[in-house]
Amino acid sequence: MYGANPATDILRDLYQSLVPRQLRKALGESLTPQWLAEACLARLSSTPGARLSGRVLDPTCGTGTFLVPLLRERLRRLRTDRAGAITAEEVQSVLNSVVGIDVNPVAVTAARVNMVLALGELTSYGTLSLPIWRA
């Protein structure tokens, strides 16, 4: 399911070209291969409701390899579960359920951009806060 959308983390390659391998190594960064992220997310799917509800924190989120697919799926669920208009509060609630932290400001920016791209037209619903922090 997650592999069906190759644009899940579209800034990954750009990030790798902008941040030299030596710097990533010095920061202790190790980018998770897409196949491994998909396998972990599939494993999470085996726990009833875990993938679609609850708060997820990725303390080393990088460009959002784990968080963006979860966000996309939760937004897709929000769109299908709502008969009426979606509110900014509902979108923010979904955003607040997918939280990331990273030490590298470039990675944090890339993860935020990936989240905005995942939001698509929902960005026009009002002021939203992206729960991706540098720490």
N, C-alpha and C. Protein backbone atom coordinates (compact mmCIF):
# COMPACT_ATOMS: atom_id res chain seq x y z
N MET A 1 0.82 -1.18 0.00
CA MET A 1 0.00 0.00 0.00
C MET A 1 0.87 1.26 0.00
N TYR A 2 1.89 1.29 0.84
CA TYR A 2 2.72 2.48 0.93
C TYR A 2 3.59 2.63 -0.30
N GLY A 3 4.01 1.51 -0.90
CA GLY A 3 4.85 1.56 -2.08
C GLY A 3 4.10 2.04 -3.30
N ALA A 4 2.78 2.09 -3.24
CA ALA A 4 1.99 2.50 -4.39
C ALA A 4 2.17 3.97 -4.72
N ASN A 5 2.68 4.75 -3.79
CA ASN A 5 2.86 6.18 -4.02
C ASN A 5 4.34 6.53 -3.93
N PRO A 6 5.05 6.52 -5.06
CA PRO A 6 6.48 6.78 -5.02
C PRO A 6 6.83 8.20 -4.62
N ALA A 7 5.86 9.11 -4.64
CA ALA A 7 6.12 10.50 -4.30
C ALA A 7 5.93 10.78 -2.81
N THR A 8 5.92 9.75 -1.99
CA THR A 8 5.71 9.91 -0.56
C THR A 8 6.74 10.85 0.06
N ASP A 9 8.00 10.64 -0.25
CA ASP A 9 9.08 11.46 0.30
C ASP A 9 9.87 12.02 -0.88
N ILE A 10 9.28 12.99 -1.55
CA ILE A 10 9.86 13.46 -2.80
C ILE A 10 11.14 14.28 -2.61
N LEU A 11 11.40 14.74 -1.40
CA LEU A 11 12.58 15.56 -1.17
C LEU A 11 13.79 14.77 -0.68
N ARG A 12 13.64 13.47 -0.54
CA ARG A 12 14.71 12.61 -0.04
C ARG A 12 15.98 12.74 -0.88
N ASP A 13 15.86 12.58 -2.20
CA ASP A 13 17.02 12.65 -3.07
C ASP A 13 17.64 14.04 -3.08
N LEU A 14 16.79 15.07 -3.08
CA LEU A 14 17.29 16.43 -3.02
C LEU A 14 18.07 16.66 -1.72
N TYR A 15 17.52 16.18 -0.61
CA TYR A 15 18.19 16.30 0.68
C TYR A 15 19.56 15.64 0.64
N GLN A 16 19.63 14.46 0.08
CA GLN A 16 20.91 13.75 0.02
C GLN A 16 21.92 14.50 -0.85
N SER A 17 21.45 15.20 -1.87
CA SER A 17 22.38 15.96 -2.70
C SER A 17 22.80 17.28 -2.05
N LEU A 18 21.93 17.84 -1.20
CA LEU A 18 22.26 19.11 -0.53
C LEU A 18 23.14 18.94 0.70
N VAL A 19 22.95 17.85 1.41
CA VAL A 19 23.71 17.61 2.64
C VAL A 19 24.76 16.54 2.34
N PRO A 20 26.02 16.92 2.33
CA PRO A 20 27.07 15.97 1.99
C PRO A 20 27.09 14.74 2.91
N ARG A 21 27.47 13.63 2.35
CA ARG A 21 27.50 12.36 3.09
C ARG A 21 28.34 12.49 4.37
N GLN A 22 29.47 13.21 4.31
CA GLN A 22 30.34 13.37 5.48
C GLN A 22 29.61 14.09 6.60
N LEU A 23 28.84 15.12 6.26
CA LEU A 23 28.08 15.85 7.27
C LEU A 23 26.99 14.96 7.85
N ARG A 24 26.28 14.23 6.99
CA ARG A 24 25.24 13.32 7.49
C ARG A 24 25.85 12.29 8.44
N LYS A 25 27.02 11.80 8.10
CA LYS A 25 27.70 10.82 8.95
C LYS A 25 28.11 11.46 10.28
N ALA A 26 28.64 12.69 10.23
CA ALA A 26 29.05 13.39 11.46
C ALA A 26 27.86 13.64 12.37
N LEU A 27 26.68 13.86 11.78
CA LEU A 27 25.46 14.08 12.57
C LEU A 27 24.85 12.77 13.07
N GLY A 28 25.42 11.65 12.63
CA GLY A 28 24.87 10.36 13.02
C GLY A 28 23.64 9.97 12.24
N GLU A 29 23.46 10.59 11.08
CA GLU A 29 22.28 10.32 10.27
C GLU A 29 22.46 9.03 9.47
N SER A 30 21.40 8.30 9.40
CA SER A 30 21.34 7.11 8.56
C SER A 30 19.95 7.10 7.95
N LEU A 31 19.86 7.39 6.67
CA LEU A 31 18.56 7.47 6.02
C LEU A 31 17.96 6.07 5.87
N THR A 32 16.74 5.93 6.32
CA THR A 32 16.05 4.65 6.26
C THR A 32 15.66 4.35 4.82
N PRO A 33 16.04 3.18 4.32
CA PRO A 33 15.63 2.81 2.96
C PRO A 33 14.10 2.74 2.88
N GLN A 34 13.55 3.12 1.74
CA GLN A 34 12.11 3.14 1.56
C GLN A 34 11.49 1.77 1.84
N TRP A 35 12.15 0.69 1.40
CA TRP A 35 11.59 -0.65 1.60
C TRP A 35 11.48 -0.98 3.08
N LEU A 36 12.44 -0.51 3.88
CA LEU A 36 12.39 -0.78 5.31
C LEU A 36 11.28 0.03 5.99
N ALA A 37 11.12 1.28 5.57
CA ALA A 37 10.04 2.10 6.11
C ALA A 37 8.69 1.47 5.79
N GLU A 38 8.54 0.99 4.56
CA GLU A 38 7.28 0.34 4.15
C GLU A 38 7.03 -0.92 4.98
N ALA A 39 8.09 -1.70 5.24
CA ALA A 39 7.94 -2.91 6.04
C ALA A 39 7.53 -2.58 7.48
N CYS A 40 8.13 -1.53 8.04
CA CYS A 40 7.77 -1.11 9.41
C CYS A 40 6.33 -0.63 9.47
N LEU A 41 5.92 0.15 8.48
CA LEU A 41 4.55 0.65 8.44
C LEU A 41 3.55 -0.49 8.24
N ALA A 42 3.94 -1.48 7.44
CA ALA A 42 3.07 -2.65 7.26
C ALA A 42 2.94 -3.41 8.57
N ARG A 43 4.01 -3.49 9.32
CA ARG A 43 3.97 -4.16 10.63
C ARG A 43 3.04 -3.40 11.59
N LEU A 44 3.12 -2.09 11.54
CA LEU A 44 2.23 -1.26 12.35
C LEU A 44 0.77 -1.53 11.97
N SER A 45 0.55 -1.82 10.70
CA SER A 45 -0.80 -2.10 10.21
C SER A 45 -1.38 -3.36 10.83
N SER A 46 -0.52 -4.25 11.31
CA SER A 46 -1.02 -5.50 11.90
C SER A 46 -1.62 -5.28 13.28
N THR A 47 -1.39 -4.11 13.87
CA THR A 47 -2.00 -3.77 15.16
C THR A 47 -3.29 -3.01 14.87
N PRO A 48 -4.44 -3.57 15.25
CA PRO A 48 -5.72 -2.94 14.90
C PRO A 48 -5.81 -1.48 15.32
N GLY A 49 -6.08 -0.63 14.35
CA GLY A 49 -6.29 0.78 14.61
C GLY A 49 -5.04 1.61 14.81
N ALA A 50 -3.89 0.98 15.02
CA ALA A 50 -2.68 1.74 15.34
C ALA A 50 -2.25 2.65 14.21
N ARG A 51 -2.42 2.22 12.99
CA ARG A 51 -1.97 3.01 11.85
C ARG A 51 -2.85 4.24 11.63
N LEU A 52 -4.12 4.13 11.96
CA LEU A 52 -5.05 5.20 11.66
C LEU A 52 -5.41 6.08 12.85
N SER A 53 -4.97 5.71 14.03
CA SER A 53 -5.31 6.52 15.20
C SER A 53 -4.12 6.54 16.15
N GLY A 54 -4.22 7.36 17.16
CA GLY A 54 -3.13 7.48 18.12
C GLY A 54 -2.08 8.44 17.62
N ARG A 55 -1.22 8.84 18.50
CA ARG A 55 -0.18 9.80 18.16
C ARG A 55 1.10 9.05 17.85
N VAL A 56 1.76 9.45 16.78
CA VAL A 56 3.01 8.83 16.36
C VAL A 56 4.11 9.88 16.45
N LEU A 57 5.21 9.53 17.10
CA LEU A 57 6.36 10.42 17.22
C LEU A 57 7.56 9.73 16.58
N ASP A 58 8.18 10.41 15.64
CA ASP A 58 9.44 9.94 15.07
C ASP A 58 10.52 10.89 15.56
N PRO A 59 11.35 10.45 16.53
CA PRO A 59 12.35 11.34 17.14
C PRO A 59 13.54 11.62 16.23
N THR A 60 13.63 10.94 15.11
CA THR A 60 14.68 11.19 14.11
C THR A 60 14.02 11.16 12.74
N CYS A 61 13.11 12.09 12.51
CA CYS A 61 12.21 12.01 11.35
C CYS A 61 12.86 12.25 10.00
N GLY A 62 14.03 12.87 9.98
CA GLY A 62 14.65 13.15 8.68
C GLY A 62 13.69 13.91 7.79
N THR A 63 13.49 13.43 6.58
CA THR A 63 12.62 14.11 5.61
C THR A 63 11.17 13.65 5.69
N GLY A 64 10.87 12.78 6.66
CA GLY A 64 9.50 12.34 6.86
C GLY A 64 9.18 10.98 6.27
N THR A 65 10.17 10.14 6.10
CA THR A 65 10.00 8.84 5.46
C THR A 65 8.91 8.00 6.11
N PHE A 66 8.80 8.05 7.44
CA PHE A 66 7.76 7.30 8.15
C PHE A 66 6.48 8.13 8.33
N LEU A 67 6.64 9.41 8.59
CA LEU A 67 5.50 10.24 8.95
C LEU A 67 4.59 10.61 7.78
N VAL A 68 5.16 10.90 6.63
CA VAL A 68 4.36 11.36 5.50
C VAL A 68 3.37 10.29 5.02
N PRO A 69 3.77 9.02 4.90
CA PRO A 69 2.76 8.02 4.50
C PRO A 69 1.63 7.89 5.52
N LEU A 70 1.95 7.98 6.80
CA LEU A 70 0.90 7.94 7.83
C LEU A 70 -0.02 9.14 7.71
N LEU A 71 0.56 10.31 7.50
CA LEU A 71 -0.25 11.52 7.33
C LEU A 71 -1.17 11.38 6.13
N ARG A 72 -0.63 10.93 5.01
CA ARG A 72 -1.45 10.76 3.80
C ARG A 72 -2.62 9.81 4.06
N GLU A 73 -2.34 8.72 4.74
CA GLU A 73 -3.40 7.75 5.00
C GLU A 73 -4.46 8.31 5.95
N ARG A 74 -4.03 9.02 6.96
CA ARG A 74 -4.98 9.61 7.91
C ARG A 74 -5.81 10.71 7.27
N LEU A 75 -5.20 11.48 6.37
CA LEU A 75 -5.95 12.50 5.64
C LEU A 75 -6.95 11.86 4.67
N ARG A 76 -6.53 10.78 4.03
CA ARG A 76 -7.44 10.06 3.14
C ARG A 76 -8.65 9.54 3.92
N ARG A 77 -8.39 9.04 5.11
CA ARG A 77 -9.48 8.55 5.97
C ARG A 77 -10.40 9.69 6.39
N LEU A 78 -9.82 10.83 6.74
CA LEU A 78 -10.62 12.00 7.12
C LEU A 78 -11.54 12.41 5.96
N ARG A 79 -11.00 12.42 4.76
CA ARG A 79 -11.80 12.80 3.59
C ARG A 79 -12.95 11.83 3.35
N THR A 80 -12.71 10.54 3.54
CA THR A 80 -13.76 9.55 3.26
C THR A 80 -14.76 9.43 4.40
N ASP A 81 -14.33 9.69 5.64
CA ASP A 81 -15.23 9.57 6.79
C ASP A 81 -16.16 10.76 6.93
N ARG A 82 -15.79 11.89 6.36
CA ARG A 82 -16.58 13.11 6.52
C ARG A 82 -17.58 13.24 5.38
N ALA A 83 -18.83 13.33 5.74
CA ALA A 83 -19.87 13.55 4.73
C ALA A 83 -19.92 15.02 4.35
N GLY A 84 -19.66 15.88 5.31
CA GLY A 84 -19.72 17.32 5.07
C GLY A 84 -18.33 17.91 4.89
N ALA A 85 -18.26 19.21 5.09
CA ALA A 85 -17.00 19.93 4.93
C ALA A 85 -16.03 19.58 6.06
N ILE A 86 -14.78 19.53 5.72
CA ILE A 86 -13.72 19.29 6.69
C ILE A 86 -13.33 20.64 7.28
N THR A 87 -13.14 20.67 8.59
CA THR A 87 -12.76 21.92 9.25
C THR A 87 -11.25 21.99 9.45
N ALA A 88 -10.76 23.20 9.64
CA ALA A 88 -9.34 23.39 9.93
C ALA A 88 -8.95 22.67 11.21
N GLU A 89 -9.86 22.62 12.18
CA GLU A 89 -9.58 21.94 13.45
C GLU A 89 -9.38 20.44 13.23
N GLU A 90 -10.16 19.86 12.34
CA GLU A 90 -10.00 18.42 12.05
C GLU A 90 -8.67 18.14 11.33
N VAL A 91 -8.31 19.01 10.42
CA VAL A 91 -7.03 18.86 9.72
C VAL A 91 -5.88 19.01 10.72
N GLN A 92 -5.98 20.00 11.61
CA GLN A 92 -4.93 20.20 12.61
C GLN A 92 -4.84 19.00 13.55
N SER A 93 -5.97 18.41 13.89
CA SER A 93 -5.98 17.23 14.74
C SER A 93 -5.22 16.08 14.09
N VAL A 94 -5.41 15.90 12.81
CA VAL A 94 -4.67 14.86 12.08
C VAL A 94 -3.19 15.20 12.08
N LEU A 95 -2.85 16.45 11.80
CA LEU A 95 -1.45 16.87 11.82
C LEU A 95 -0.81 16.61 13.18
N ASN A 96 -1.53 16.94 14.25
CA ASN A 96 -1.00 16.76 15.60
C ASN A 96 -0.77 15.31 15.97
N SER A 97 -1.34 14.40 15.20
CA SER A 97 -1.17 12.97 15.50
C SER A 97 0.07 12.38 14.86
N VAL A 98 0.76 13.17 14.04
CA VAL A 98 1.95 12.69 13.32
C VAL A 98 3.06 13.71 13.57
N VAL A 99 3.92 13.42 14.53
CA VAL A 99 4.89 14.39 15.04
C VAL A 99 6.32 13.93 14.77
N GLY A 100 7.18 14.88 14.40
CA GLY A 100 8.57 14.54 14.13
C GLY A 100 9.55 15.53 14.72
N ILE A 101 10.74 15.02 15.01
CA ILE A 101 11.84 15.82 15.54
C ILE A 101 13.10 15.41 14.78
N ASP A 102 13.95 16.37 14.49
CA ASP A 102 15.25 16.04 13.90
C ASP A 102 16.24 17.12 14.29
N VAL A 103 17.51 16.77 14.29
CA VAL A 103 18.56 17.69 14.67
C VAL A 103 18.98 18.58 13.50
N ASN A 104 18.78 18.12 12.29
CA ASN A 104 19.25 18.83 11.12
C ASN A 104 18.16 19.76 10.58
N PRO A 105 18.42 21.06 10.52
CA PRO A 105 17.40 22.00 10.05
C PRO A 105 16.99 21.78 8.60
N VAL A 106 17.88 21.28 7.77
CA VAL A 106 17.53 21.01 6.37
C VAL A 106 16.54 19.85 6.31
N ALA A 107 16.76 18.83 7.13
CA ALA A 107 15.84 17.69 7.17
C ALA A 107 14.47 18.12 7.69
N VAL A 108 14.46 18.96 8.71
CA VAL A 108 13.20 19.46 9.27
C VAL A 108 12.43 20.23 8.21
N THR A 109 13.12 21.08 7.47
CA THR A 109 12.46 21.84 6.40
C THR A 109 11.91 20.90 5.33
N ALA A 110 12.68 19.90 4.95
CA ALA A 110 12.22 18.93 3.95
C ALA A 110 11.00 18.16 4.44
N ALA A 111 11.00 17.77 5.70
CA ALA A 111 9.85 17.05 6.25
C ALA A 111 8.61 17.93 6.26
N ARG A 112 8.79 19.19 6.61
CA ARG A 112 7.66 20.13 6.61
C ARG A 112 7.10 20.32 5.20
N VAL A 113 7.98 20.47 4.23
CA VAL A 113 7.53 20.63 2.84
C VAL A 113 6.80 19.38 2.39
N ASN A 114 7.33 18.20 2.71
CA ASN A 114 6.65 16.95 2.37
C ASN A 114 5.25 16.90 2.99
N MET A 115 5.13 17.39 4.22
CA MET A 115 3.81 17.41 4.87
C MET A 115 2.86 18.37 4.16
N VAL A 116 3.36 19.54 3.77
CA VAL A 116 2.52 20.50 3.06
C VAL A 116 2.05 19.89 1.73
N LEU A 117 2.95 19.21 1.04
CA LEU A 117 2.57 18.57 -0.22
C LEU A 117 1.53 17.48 0.02
N ALA A 118 1.66 16.75 1.13
CA ALA A 118 0.67 15.72 1.46
C ALA A 118 -0.69 16.34 1.77
N LEU A 119 -0.68 17.53 2.36
CA LEU A 119 -1.94 18.22 2.68
C LEU A 119 -2.69 18.65 1.42
N GLY A 120 -1.97 19.00 0.39
CA GLY A 120 -2.60 19.43 -0.85
C GLY A 120 -3.55 20.59 -0.64
N GLU A 121 -4.79 20.44 -1.13
CA GLU A 121 -5.78 21.52 -1.04
C GLU A 121 -6.19 21.84 0.39
N LEU A 122 -5.90 20.96 1.32
CA LEU A 122 -6.27 21.20 2.72
C LEU A 122 -5.48 22.36 3.33
N THR A 123 -4.41 22.79 2.68
CA THR A 123 -3.65 23.94 3.19
C THR A 123 -4.46 25.22 3.12
N SER A 124 -5.50 25.24 2.32
CA SER A 124 -6.33 26.44 2.20
C SER A 124 -7.42 26.51 3.27
N TYR A 125 -7.43 25.56 4.20
CA TYR A 125 -8.48 25.52 5.22
C TYR A 125 -8.21 26.44 6.39
N GLY A 126 -7.11 27.15 6.37
CA GLY A 126 -6.80 28.06 7.46
C GLY A 126 -5.35 27.93 7.88
N THR A 127 -5.02 28.61 8.96
CA THR A 127 -3.66 28.54 9.48
C THR A 127 -3.46 27.20 10.17
N LEU A 128 -2.47 26.46 9.71
CA LEU A 128 -2.17 25.14 10.28
C LEU A 128 -0.76 25.14 10.83
N SER A 129 -0.55 24.38 11.88
CA SER A 129 0.76 24.25 12.49
C SER A 129 1.31 22.86 12.17
N LEU A 130 2.52 22.83 11.61
CA LEU A 130 3.16 21.56 11.27
C LEU A 130 3.99 21.08 12.45
N PRO A 131 3.69 19.92 13.00
CA PRO A 131 4.39 19.44 14.20
C PRO A 131 5.70 18.72 13.89
N ILE A 132 6.59 19.44 13.23
CA ILE A 132 7.93 18.93 12.94
C ILE A 132 8.89 19.97 13.52
N TRP A 133 9.71 19.53 14.45
CA TRP A 133 10.59 20.47 15.15
C TRP A 133 12.06 20.07 15.04
N ARG A 134 12.91 21.09 15.12
CA ARG A 134 14.34 20.87 15.21
C ARG A 134 14.70 20.86 16.69
N ALA A 135 15.30 19.80 17.11
CA ALA A 135 15.71 19.69 18.51
C ALA A 135 16.84 18.70 18.65
